[in-house]
Amino acid sequence: MRRDRERSWTADALARELRANERLVTDVLTDFETSGLIGCGEDGCVYSPVSPVLDDLCRQLEAAYRERPVGVVKAIMSSPKDKLQIFSDAFRFKDPSK
């Protein structure tokens, strides 16, 4: 999604592109939207991070995956779910007025 920022992706289209389970893709899209990484509407989801910092983190992750894909996948798969949730929660932005 990051490489084609203008494209709107449906869960079905992403599942085909990634050769992944559509239910899994739907769950991940929900998490990404909640985390401020993508925006979703009637036509699908578009990569649109809520901050330049988040965009830069994604750029760094993409670079690491290009250089060491197995290492990145192992790091993700070896992390307990709660650690992944903590990582994902770190990208949620709180309302400064609260």
PDB file of N, CA and C in Angstrom:
ATOM      1  N   MET A   1       0.823  -1.187   0.000  1.00  0.00           N
ATOM      2  CA  MET A   1       0.000   0.000   0.000  1.00  0.00           C
ATOM      3  C   MET A   1       0.868   1.251   0.000  1.00  0.00           C
ATOM      4  N   ARG A   2       1.971   1.192   0.688  1.00  0.00           N
ATOM      5  CA  ARG A   2       2.854   2.352   0.775  1.00  0.00           C
ATOM      6  C   ARG A   2       3.467   2.685  -0.578  1.00  0.00           C
ATOM      7  N   ARG A   3       3.772   1.666  -1.368  1.00  0.00           N
ATOM      8  CA  ARG A   3       4.396   1.903  -2.671  1.00  0.00           C
ATOM      9  C   ARG A   3       3.439   2.539  -3.678  1.00  0.00           C
ATOM     10  N   ASP A   4       2.146   2.326  -3.504  1.00  0.00           N
ATOM     11  CA  ASP A   4       1.145   2.881  -4.412  1.00  0.00           C
ATOM     12  C   ASP A   4       0.128   3.667  -3.577  1.00  0.00           C
ATOM     13  N   ARG A   5       0.564   4.797  -3.064  1.00  0.00           N
ATOM     14  CA  ARG A   5      -0.197   5.585  -2.085  1.00  0.00           C
ATOM     15  C   ARG A   5      -1.552   6.061  -2.598  1.00  0.00           C
ATOM     16  N   GLU A   6      -1.707   6.200  -3.894  1.00  0.00           N
ATOM     17  CA  GLU A   6      -2.963   6.701  -4.455  1.00  0.00           C
ATOM     18  C   GLU A   6      -4.002   5.596  -4.636  1.00  0.00           C
ATOM     19  N   ARG A   7      -3.567   4.354  -4.613  1.00  0.00           N
ATOM     20  CA  ARG A   7      -4.478   3.246  -4.880  1.00  0.00           C
ATOM     21  C   ARG A   7      -5.330   2.932  -3.653  1.00  0.00           C
ATOM     22  N   SER A   8      -6.596   2.714  -3.894  1.00  0.00           N
ATOM     23  CA  SER A   8      -7.515   2.287  -2.845  1.00  0.00           C
ATOM     24  C   SER A   8      -7.639   0.774  -2.921  1.00  0.00           C
ATOM     25  N   TRP A   9      -7.376   0.104  -1.813  1.00  0.00           N
ATOM     26  CA  TRP A   9      -7.350  -1.356  -1.766  1.00  0.00           C
ATOM     27  C   TRP A   9      -8.543  -1.893  -0.985  1.00  0.00           C
ATOM     28  N   THR A  10      -9.199  -2.899  -1.532  1.00  0.00           N
ATOM     29  CA  THR A  10     -10.194  -3.648  -0.769  1.00  0.00           C
ATOM     30  C   THR A  10      -9.473  -4.814  -0.108  1.00  0.00           C
ATOM     31  N   ALA A  11     -10.099  -5.390   0.905  1.00  0.00           N
ATOM     32  CA  ALA A  11      -9.500  -6.556   1.573  1.00  0.00           C
ATOM     33  C   ALA A  11      -9.323  -7.696   0.578  1.00  0.00           C
ATOM     34  N   ASP A  12     -10.290  -7.873  -0.293  1.00  0.00           N
ATOM     35  CA  ASP A  12     -10.227  -8.936  -1.293  1.00  0.00           C
ATOM     36  C   ASP A  12      -9.043  -8.734  -2.245  1.00  0.00           C
ATOM     37  N   ALA A  13      -8.869  -7.494  -2.734  1.00  0.00           N
ATOM     38  CA  ALA A  13      -7.763  -7.206  -3.651  1.00  0.00           C
ATOM     39  C   ALA A  13      -6.409  -7.400  -2.963  1.00  0.00           C
ATOM     40  N   LEU A  14      -6.304  -6.963  -1.719  1.00  0.00           N
ATOM     41  CA  LEU A  14      -5.042  -7.160  -0.978  1.00  0.00           C
ATOM     42  C   LEU A  14      -4.774  -8.633  -0.717  1.00  0.00           C
ATOM     43  N   ALA A  15      -5.815  -9.382  -0.383  1.00  0.00           N
ATOM     44  CA  ALA A  15      -5.642 -10.819  -0.138  1.00  0.00           C
ATOM     45  C   ALA A  15      -5.114 -11.507  -1.391  1.00  0.00           C
ATOM     46  N   ARG A  16      -5.652 -11.132  -2.548  1.00  0.00           N
ATOM     47  CA  ARG A  16      -5.151 -11.722  -3.802  1.00  0.00           C
ATOM     48  C   ARG A  16      -3.708 -11.298  -4.066  1.00  0.00           C
ATOM     49  N   GLU A  17      -3.430 -10.024  -3.888  1.00  0.00           N
ATOM     50  CA  GLU A  17      -2.082  -9.500  -4.133  1.00  0.00           C
ATOM     51  C   GLU A  17      -1.043 -10.170  -3.235  1.00  0.00           C
ATOM     52  N   LEU A  18      -1.405 -10.371  -1.982  1.00  0.00           N
ATOM     53  CA  LEU A  18      -0.478 -10.933  -0.995  1.00  0.00           C
ATOM     54  C   LEU A  18      -0.556 -12.456  -0.895  1.00  0.00           C
ATOM     55  N   ARG A  19      -1.533 -13.029  -1.594  1.00  0.00           N
ATOM     56  CA  ARG A  19      -1.802 -14.472  -1.494  1.00  0.00           C
ATOM     57  C   ARG A  19      -2.045 -14.854  -0.027  1.00  0.00           C
ATOM     58  N   ALA A  20      -2.941 -14.084   0.586  1.00  0.00           N
ATOM     59  CA  ALA A  20      -3.230 -14.252   2.011  1.00  0.00           C
ATOM     60  C   ALA A  20      -4.720 -14.512   2.211  1.00  0.00           C
ATOM     61  N   ASN A  21      -5.050 -14.924   3.404  1.00  0.00           N
ATOM     62  CA  ASN A  21      -6.429 -15.157   3.800  1.00  0.00           C
ATOM     63  C   ASN A  21      -7.159 -13.821   3.918  1.00  0.00           C
ATOM     64  N   GLU A  22      -8.337 -13.718   3.295  1.00  0.00           N
ATOM     65  CA  GLU A  22      -9.064 -12.440   3.302  1.00  0.00           C
ATOM     66  C   GLU A  22      -9.463 -12.014   4.715  1.00  0.00           C
ATOM     67  N   ARG A  23      -9.833 -12.961   5.556  1.00  0.00           N
ATOM     68  CA  ARG A  23     -10.213 -12.626   6.940  1.00  0.00           C
ATOM     69  C   ARG A  23      -9.025 -12.016   7.696  1.00  0.00           C
ATOM     70  N   LEU A  24      -7.857 -12.599   7.516  1.00  0.00           N
ATOM     71  CA  LEU A  24      -6.647 -12.064   8.142  1.00  0.00           C
ATOM     72  C   LEU A  24      -6.375 -10.651   7.635  1.00  0.00           C
ATOM     73  N   VAL A  25      -6.473 -10.454   6.328  1.00  0.00           N
ATOM     74  CA  VAL A  25      -6.235  -9.138   5.743  1.00  0.00           C
ATOM     75  C   VAL A  25      -7.234  -8.123   6.295  1.00  0.00           C
ATOM     76  N   THR A  26      -8.495  -8.516   6.411  1.00  0.00           N
ATOM     77  CA  THR A  26      -9.521  -7.633   6.969  1.00  0.00           C
ATOM     78  C   THR A  26      -9.167  -7.233   8.399  1.00  0.00           C
ATOM     79  N   ASP A  27      -8.724  -8.195   9.208  1.00  0.00           N
ATOM     80  CA  ASP A  27      -8.332  -7.900  10.593  1.00  0.00           C
ATOM     81  C   ASP A  27      -7.146  -6.946  10.647  1.00  0.00           C
ATOM     82  N   VAL A  28      -6.168  -7.168   9.792  1.00  0.00           N
ATOM     83  CA  VAL A  28      -4.980  -6.311   9.776  1.00  0.00           C
ATOM     84  C   VAL A  28      -5.349  -4.902   9.315  1.00  0.00           C
ATOM     85  N   LEU A  29      -6.212  -4.798   8.313  1.00  0.00           N
ATOM     86  CA  LEU A  29      -6.643  -3.480   7.862  1.00  0.00           C
ATOM     87  C   LEU A  29      -7.340  -2.715   8.985  1.00  0.00           C
ATOM     88  N   THR A  30      -8.147  -3.409   9.757  1.00  0.00           N
ATOM     89  CA  THR A  30      -8.810  -2.774  10.902  1.00  0.00           C
ATOM     90  C   THR A  30      -7.777  -2.266  11.903  1.00  0.00           C
ATOM     91  N   ASP A  31      -6.778  -3.093  12.202  1.00  0.00           N
ATOM     92  CA  ASP A  31      -5.717  -2.679  13.127  1.00  0.00           C
ATOM     93  C   ASP A  31      -4.931  -1.490  12.569  1.00  0.00           C
ATOM     94  N   PHE A  32      -4.619  -1.530  11.266  1.00  0.00           N
ATOM     95  CA  PHE A  32      -3.874  -0.432  10.650  1.00  0.00           C
ATOM     96  C   PHE A  32      -4.678   0.866  10.674  1.00  0.00           C
ATOM     97  N   GLU A  33      -5.976   0.769  10.447  1.00  0.00           N
ATOM     98  CA  GLU A  33      -6.808   1.974  10.484  1.00  0.00           C
ATOM     99  C   GLU A  33      -6.865   2.535  11.901  1.00  0.00           C
ATOM    100  N   THR A  34      -7.049   1.663  12.878  1.00  0.00           N
ATOM    101  CA  THR A  34      -7.096   2.088  14.279  1.00  0.00           C
ATOM    102  C   THR A  34      -5.776   2.735  14.702  1.00  0.00           C
ATOM    103  N   SER A  35      -4.678   2.242  14.154  1.00  0.00           N
ATOM    104  CA  SER A  35      -3.349   2.749  14.501  1.00  0.00           C
ATOM    105  C   SER A  35      -2.978   4.017  13.746  1.00  0.00           C
ATOM    106  N   GLY A  36      -3.818   4.447  12.803  1.00  0.00           N
ATOM    107  CA  GLY A  36      -3.525   5.668  12.064  1.00  0.00           C
ATOM    108  C   GLY A  36      -2.584   5.481  10.900  1.00  0.00           C
ATOM    109  N   LEU A  37      -2.483   4.259  10.412  1.00  0.00           N
ATOM    110  CA  LEU A  37      -1.579   3.976   9.301  1.00  0.00           C
ATOM    111  C   LEU A  37      -2.279   4.099   7.953  1.00  0.00           C
ATOM    112  N   ILE A  38      -3.566   3.779   7.919  1.00  0.00           N
ATOM    113  CA  ILE A  38      -4.339   3.847   6.685  1.00  0.00           C
ATOM    114  C   ILE A  38      -5.666   4.553   6.949  1.00  0.00           C
ATOM    115  N   GLY A  39      -6.277   5.003   5.875  1.00  0.00           N
ATOM    116  CA  GLY A  39      -7.628   5.545   5.949  1.00  0.00           C
ATOM    117  C   GLY A  39      -8.534   4.678   5.097  1.00  0.00           C
ATOM    118  N   CYS A  40      -9.714   4.354   5.592  1.00  0.00           N
ATOM    119  CA  CYS A  40     -10.634   3.480   4.864  1.00  0.00           C
ATOM    120  C   CYS A  40     -11.952   4.193   4.610  1.00  0.00           C
ATOM    121  N   GLY A  41     -12.523   3.905   3.459  1.00  0.00           N
ATOM    122  CA  GLY A  41     -13.809   4.461   3.076  1.00  0.00           C
ATOM    123  C   GLY A  41     -14.590   3.428   2.294  1.00  0.00           C
ATOM    124  N   GLU A  42     -15.613   3.871   1.602  1.00  0.00           N
ATOM    125  CA  GLU A  42     -16.471   2.964   0.842  1.00  0.00           C
ATOM    126  C   GLU A  42     -15.722   2.239  -0.266  1.00  0.00           C
ATOM    127  N   ASP A  43     -14.723   2.897  -0.866  1.00  0.00           N
ATOM    128  CA  ASP A  43     -13.996   2.307  -1.991  1.00  0.00           C
ATOM    129  C   ASP A  43     -12.806   1.457  -1.568  1.00  0.00           C
ATOM    130  N   GLY A  44     -12.510   1.387  -0.281  1.00  0.00           N
ATOM    131  CA  GLY A  44     -11.376   0.608   0.196  1.00  0.00           C
ATOM    132  C   GLY A  44     -10.486   1.418   1.110  1.00  0.00           C
ATOM    133  N   CYS A  45      -9.256   0.990   1.227  1.00  0.00           N
ATOM    134  CA  CYS A  45      -8.296   1.606   2.154  1.00  0.00           C
ATOM    135  C   CYS A  45      -7.090   2.135   1.393  1.00  0.00           C
ATOM    136  N   VAL A  46      -6.573   3.250   1.879  1.00  0.00           N
ATOM    137  CA  VAL A  46      -5.431   3.917   1.266  1.00  0.00           C
ATOM    138  C   VAL A  46      -4.376   4.148   2.346  1.00  0.00           C
ATOM    139  N   TYR A  47      -3.123   3.972   1.986  1.00  0.00           N
ATOM    140  CA  TYR A  47      -2.023   4.270   2.900  1.00  0.00           C
ATOM    141  C   TYR A  47      -2.009   5.766   3.157  1.00  0.00           C
ATOM    142  N   SER A  48      -2.204   6.155   4.400  1.00  0.00           N
ATOM    143  CA  SER A  48      -2.169   7.580   4.755  1.00  0.00           C
ATOM    144  C   SER A  48      -1.854   7.721   6.240  1.00  0.00           C
ATOM    145  N   PRO A  49      -0.585   7.564   6.598  1.00  0.00           N
ATOM    146  CA  PRO A  49      -0.210   7.666   8.007  1.00  0.00           C
ATOM    147  C   PRO A  49      -0.538   9.038   8.579  1.00  0.00           C
ATOM    148  N   VAL A  50      -0.893   9.040   9.849  1.00  0.00           N
ATOM    149  CA  VAL A  50      -1.319  10.280  10.493  1.00  0.00           C
ATOM    150  C   VAL A  50      -0.153  11.204  10.848  1.00  0.00           C
ATOM    151  N   SER A  51       1.069  10.724  10.698  1.00  0.00           N
ATOM    152  CA  SER A  51       2.212  11.579  11.011  1.00  0.00           C
ATOM    153  C   SER A  51       3.413  11.198  10.152  1.00  0.00           C
ATOM    154  N   PRO A  52       4.322  12.151   9.955  1.00  0.00           N
ATOM    155  CA  PRO A  52       5.555  11.851   9.235  1.00  0.00           C
ATOM    156  C   PRO A  52       6.410  10.809   9.966  1.00  0.00           C
ATOM    157  N   VAL A  53       6.338  10.797  11.288  1.00  0.00           N
ATOM    158  CA  VAL A  53       7.105   9.824  12.074  1.00  0.00           C
ATOM    159  C   VAL A  53       6.645   8.405  11.752  1.00  0.00           C
ATOM    160  N   LEU A  54       5.358   8.210  11.701  1.00  0.00           N
ATOM    161  CA  LEU A  54       4.808   6.898  11.382  1.00  0.00           C
ATOM    162  C   LEU A  54       5.190   6.491   9.960  1.00  0.00           C
ATOM    163  N   ASP A  55       5.131   7.430   9.033  1.00  0.00           N
ATOM    164  CA  ASP A  55       5.537   7.154   7.658  1.00  0.00           C
ATOM    165  C   ASP A  55       7.014   6.756   7.603  1.00  0.00           C
ATOM    166  N   ASP A  56       7.844   7.446   8.372  1.00  0.00           N
ATOM    167  CA  ASP A  56       9.276   7.123   8.381  1.00  0.00           C
ATOM    168  C   ASP A  56       9.531   5.739   8.982  1.00  0.00           C
ATOM    169  N   LEU A  57       8.799   5.381  10.023  1.00  0.00           N
ATOM    170  CA  LEU A  57       8.940   4.040  10.596  1.00  0.00           C
ATOM    171  C   LEU A  57       8.577   2.975   9.565  1.00  0.00           C
ATOM    172  N   CYS A  58       7.547   3.229   8.803  1.00  0.00           N
ATOM    173  CA  CYS A  58       7.152   2.281   7.749  1.00  0.00           C
ATOM    174  C   CYS A  58       8.223   2.193   6.670  1.00  0.00           C
ATOM    175  N   ARG A  59       8.821   3.329   6.332  1.00  0.00           N
ATOM    176  CA  ARG A  59       9.911   3.339   5.348  1.00  0.00           C
ATOM    177  C   ARG A  59      11.084   2.502   5.846  1.00  0.00           C
ATOM    178  N   GLN A  60      11.411   2.650   7.130  1.00  0.00           N
ATOM    179  CA  GLN A  60      12.508   1.883   7.703  1.00  0.00           C
ATOM    180  C   GLN A  60      12.195   0.384   7.725  1.00  0.00           C
ATOM    181  N   LEU A  61      10.964   0.048   8.053  1.00  0.00           N
ATOM    182  CA  LEU A  61      10.563  -1.353   8.058  1.00  0.00           C
ATOM    183  C   LEU A  61      10.623  -1.943   6.656  1.00  0.00           C
ATOM    184  N   GLU A  62      10.168  -1.175   5.676  1.00  0.00           N
ATOM    185  CA  GLU A  62      10.231  -1.631   4.283  1.00  0.00           C
ATOM    186  C   GLU A  62      11.677  -1.875   3.852  1.00  0.00           C
ATOM    187  N   ALA A  63      12.583  -0.981   4.229  1.00  0.00           N
ATOM    188  CA  ALA A  63      14.002  -1.134   3.890  1.00  0.00           C
ATOM    189  C   ALA A  63      14.587  -2.367   4.570  1.00  0.00           C
ATOM    190  N   ALA A  64      14.253  -2.563   5.835  1.00  0.00           N
ATOM    191  CA  ALA A  64      14.750  -3.740   6.559  1.00  0.00           C
ATOM    192  C   ALA A  64      14.229  -5.025   5.917  1.00  0.00           C
ATOM    193  N   TYR A  65      12.967  -5.030   5.519  1.00  0.00           N
ATOM    194  CA  TYR A  65      12.387  -6.212   4.887  1.00  0.00           C
ATOM    195  C   TYR A  65      13.051  -6.497   3.542  1.00  0.00           C
ATOM    196  N   ARG A  66      13.374  -5.445   2.790  1.00  0.00           N
ATOM    197  CA  ARG A  66      14.066  -5.629   1.511  1.00  0.00           C
ATOM    198  C   ARG A  66      15.437  -6.271   1.717  1.00  0.00           C
ATOM    199  N   GLU A  67      16.136  -5.864   2.781  1.00  0.00           N
ATOM    200  CA  GLU A  67      17.480  -6.360   3.046  1.00  0.00           C
ATOM    201  C   GLU A  67      17.487  -7.706   3.754  1.00  0.00           C
ATOM    202  N   ARG A  68      16.541  -7.920   4.685  1.00  0.00           N
ATOM    203  CA  ARG A  68      16.526  -9.134   5.515  1.00  0.00           C
ATOM    204  C   ARG A  68      15.091  -9.627   5.726  1.00  0.00           C
ATOM    205  N   PRO A  69      14.437 -10.080   4.656  1.00  0.00           N
ATOM    206  CA  PRO A  69      13.022 -10.463   4.799  1.00  0.00           C
ATOM    207  C   PRO A  69      12.789 -11.577   5.817  1.00  0.00           C
ATOM    208  N   VAL A  70      13.648 -12.565   5.835  1.00  0.00           N
ATOM    209  CA  VAL A  70      13.460 -13.678   6.772  1.00  0.00           C
ATOM    210  C   VAL A  70      13.603 -13.194   8.210  1.00  0.00           C
ATOM    211  N   GLY A  71      14.563 -12.336   8.471  1.00  0.00           N
ATOM    212  CA  GLY A  71      14.754 -11.803   9.815  1.00  0.00           C
ATOM    213  C   GLY A  71      13.565 -10.987  10.291  1.00  0.00           C
ATOM    214  N   VAL A  72      12.996 -10.187   9.403  1.00  0.00           N
ATOM    215  CA  VAL A  72      11.828  -9.384   9.770  1.00  0.00           C
ATOM    216  C   VAL A  72      10.635 -10.286  10.060  1.00  0.00           C
ATOM    217  N   VAL A  73      10.402 -11.263   9.191  1.00  0.00           N
ATOM    218  CA  VAL A  73       9.280 -12.189   9.398  1.00  0.00           C
ATOM    219  C   VAL A  73       9.469 -12.969  10.695  1.00  0.00           C
ATOM    220  N   LYS A  74      10.676 -13.441  10.960  1.00  0.00           N
ATOM    221  CA  LYS A  74      10.943 -14.173  12.210  1.00  0.00           C
ATOM    222  C   LYS A  74      10.678 -13.291  13.430  1.00  0.00           C
ATOM    223  N   ALA A  75      11.096 -12.045  13.369  1.00  0.00           N
ATOM    224  CA  ALA A  75      10.875 -11.133  14.498  1.00  0.00           C
ATOM    225  C   ALA A  75       9.388 -10.929  14.750  1.00  0.00           C
ATOM    226  N   ILE A  76       8.632 -10.795  13.687  1.00  0.00           N
ATOM    227  CA  ILE A  76       7.190 -10.609  13.836  1.00  0.00           C
ATOM    228  C   ILE A  76       6.540 -11.876  14.376  1.00  0.00           C
ATOM    229  N   MET A  77       6.896 -13.011  13.821  1.00  0.00           N
ATOM    230  CA  MET A  77       6.268 -14.272  14.203  1.00  0.00           C
ATOM    231  C   MET A  77       6.681 -14.735  15.598  1.00  0.00           C
ATOM    232  N   SER A  78       7.860 -14.353  16.052  1.00  0.00           N
ATOM    233  CA  SER A  78       8.324 -14.810  17.364  1.00  0.00           C
ATOM    234  C   SER A  78       7.812 -13.935  18.501  1.00  0.00           C
ATOM    235  N   SER A  79       7.224 -12.793  18.155  1.00  0.00           N
ATOM    236  CA  SER A  79       6.720 -11.893  19.186  1.00  0.00           C
ATOM    237  C   SER A  79       5.372 -12.375  19.691  1.00  0.00           C
ATOM    238  N   PRO A  80       5.218 -12.431  21.008  1.00  0.00           N
ATOM    239  CA  PRO A  80       3.901 -12.771  21.557  1.00  0.00           C
ATOM    240  C   PRO A  80       2.870 -11.729  21.140  1.00  0.00           C
ATOM    241  N   LYS A  81       1.631 -12.132  21.052  1.00  0.00           N
ATOM    242  CA  LYS A  81       0.549 -11.247  20.619  1.00  0.00           C
ATOM    243  C   LYS A  81       0.494  -9.973  21.457  1.00  0.00           C
ATOM    244  N   ASP A  82       0.697 -10.096  22.766  1.00  0.00           N
ATOM    245  CA  ASP A  82       0.601  -8.899  23.593  1.00  0.00           C
ATOM    246  C   ASP A  82       1.689  -7.879  23.244  1.00  0.00           C
ATOM    247  N   LYS A  83       2.876  -8.343  22.862  1.00  0.00           N
ATOM    248  CA  LYS A  83       3.923  -7.411  22.458  1.00  0.00           C
ATOM    249  C   LYS A  83       3.549  -6.728  21.148  1.00  0.00           C
ATOM    250  N   LEU A  84       2.948  -7.474  20.225  1.00  0.00           N
ATOM    251  CA  LEU A  84       2.498  -6.871  18.987  1.00  0.00           C
ATOM    252  C   LEU A  84       1.414  -5.834  19.254  1.00  0.00           C
ATOM    253  N   GLN A  85       0.543  -6.119  20.202  1.00  0.00           N
ATOM    254  CA  GLN A  85      -0.514  -5.174  20.536  1.00  0.00           C
ATOM    255  C   GLN A  85       0.087  -3.911  21.145  1.00  0.00           C
ATOM    256  N   ILE A  86       1.078  -4.076  22.017  1.00  0.00           N
ATOM    257  CA  ILE A  86       1.748  -2.926  22.623  1.00  0.00           C
ATOM    258  C   ILE A  86       2.415  -2.083  21.539  1.00  0.00           C
ATOM    259  N   PHE A  87       3.072  -2.751  20.591  1.00  0.00           N
ATOM    260  CA  PHE A  87       3.723  -2.046  19.483  1.00  0.00           C
ATOM    261  C   PHE A  87       2.691  -1.271  18.669  1.00  0.00           C
ATOM    262  N   SER A  88       1.604  -1.936  18.334  1.00  0.00           N
ATOM    263  CA  SER A  88       0.548  -1.299  17.553  1.00  0.00           C
ATOM    264  C   SER A  88      -0.076  -0.134  18.322  1.00  0.00           C
ATOM    265  N   ASP A  89      -0.285  -0.305  19.619  1.00  0.00           N
ATOM    266  CA  ASP A  89      -0.878   0.740  20.448  1.00  0.00           C
ATOM    267  C   ASP A  89       0.014   1.981  20.531  1.00  0.00           C
ATOM    268  N   ALA A  90       1.304   1.789  20.354  1.00  0.00           N
ATOM    269  CA  ALA A  90       2.231   2.919  20.414  1.00  0.00           C
ATOM    270  C   ALA A  90       1.955   3.930  19.311  1.00  0.00           C
ATOM    271  N   PHE A  91       1.293   3.493  18.244  1.00  0.00           N
ATOM    272  CA  PHE A  91       1.012   4.380  17.125  1.00  0.00           C
ATOM    273  C   PHE A  91      -0.349   5.055  17.233  1.00  0.00           C
ATOM    274  N   ARG A  92      -1.082   4.758  18.263  1.00  0.00           N
ATOM    275  CA  ARG A  92      -2.384   5.407  18.455  1.00  0.00           C
ATOM    276  C   ARG A  92      -2.154   6.792  19.049  1.00  0.00           C
ATOM    277  N   PHE A  93      -2.823   7.742  18.497  1.00  0.00           N
ATOM    278  CA  PHE A  93      -2.679   9.112  18.964  1.00  0.00           C
ATOM    279  C   PHE A  93      -3.861   9.462  19.844  1.00  0.00           C
ATOM    280  N   LYS A  94      -3.546  10.027  20.996  1.00  0.00           N
ATOM    281  CA  LYS A  94      -4.584  10.402  21.952  1.00  0.00           C
ATOM    282  C   LYS A  94      -5.018  11.840  21.690  1.00  0.00           C
ATOM    283  N   ASP A  95      -6.255  12.131  22.014  1.00  0.00           N
ATOM    284  CA  ASP A  95      -6.790  13.479  21.903  1.00  0.00           C
ATOM    285  C   ASP A  95      -6.105  14.340  22.955  1.00  0.00           C
ATOM    286  N   PRO A  96      -5.331  15.382  22.568  1.00  0.00           N
ATOM    287  CA  PRO A  96      -4.607  16.192  23.551  1.00  0.00           C
ATOM    288  C   PRO A  96      -5.521  16.959  24.509  1.00  0.00           C
ATOM    289  N   SER A  97      -6.803  17.103  24.183  1.00  0.00           N
ATOM    290  CA  SER A  97      -7.713  17.835  25.049  1.00  0.00           C
ATOM    291  C   SER A  97      -8.211  16.996  26.197  1.00  0.00           C
ATOM    292  N   LYS A  98      -7.929  15.686  26.193  1.00  0.00           N
ATOM    293  CA  LYS A  98      -8.421  14.802  27.274  1.00  0.00           C
ATOM    294  C   LYS A  98      -7.365  14.559  28.311  1.00  0.00           C
TER     295      LYS A  98
END
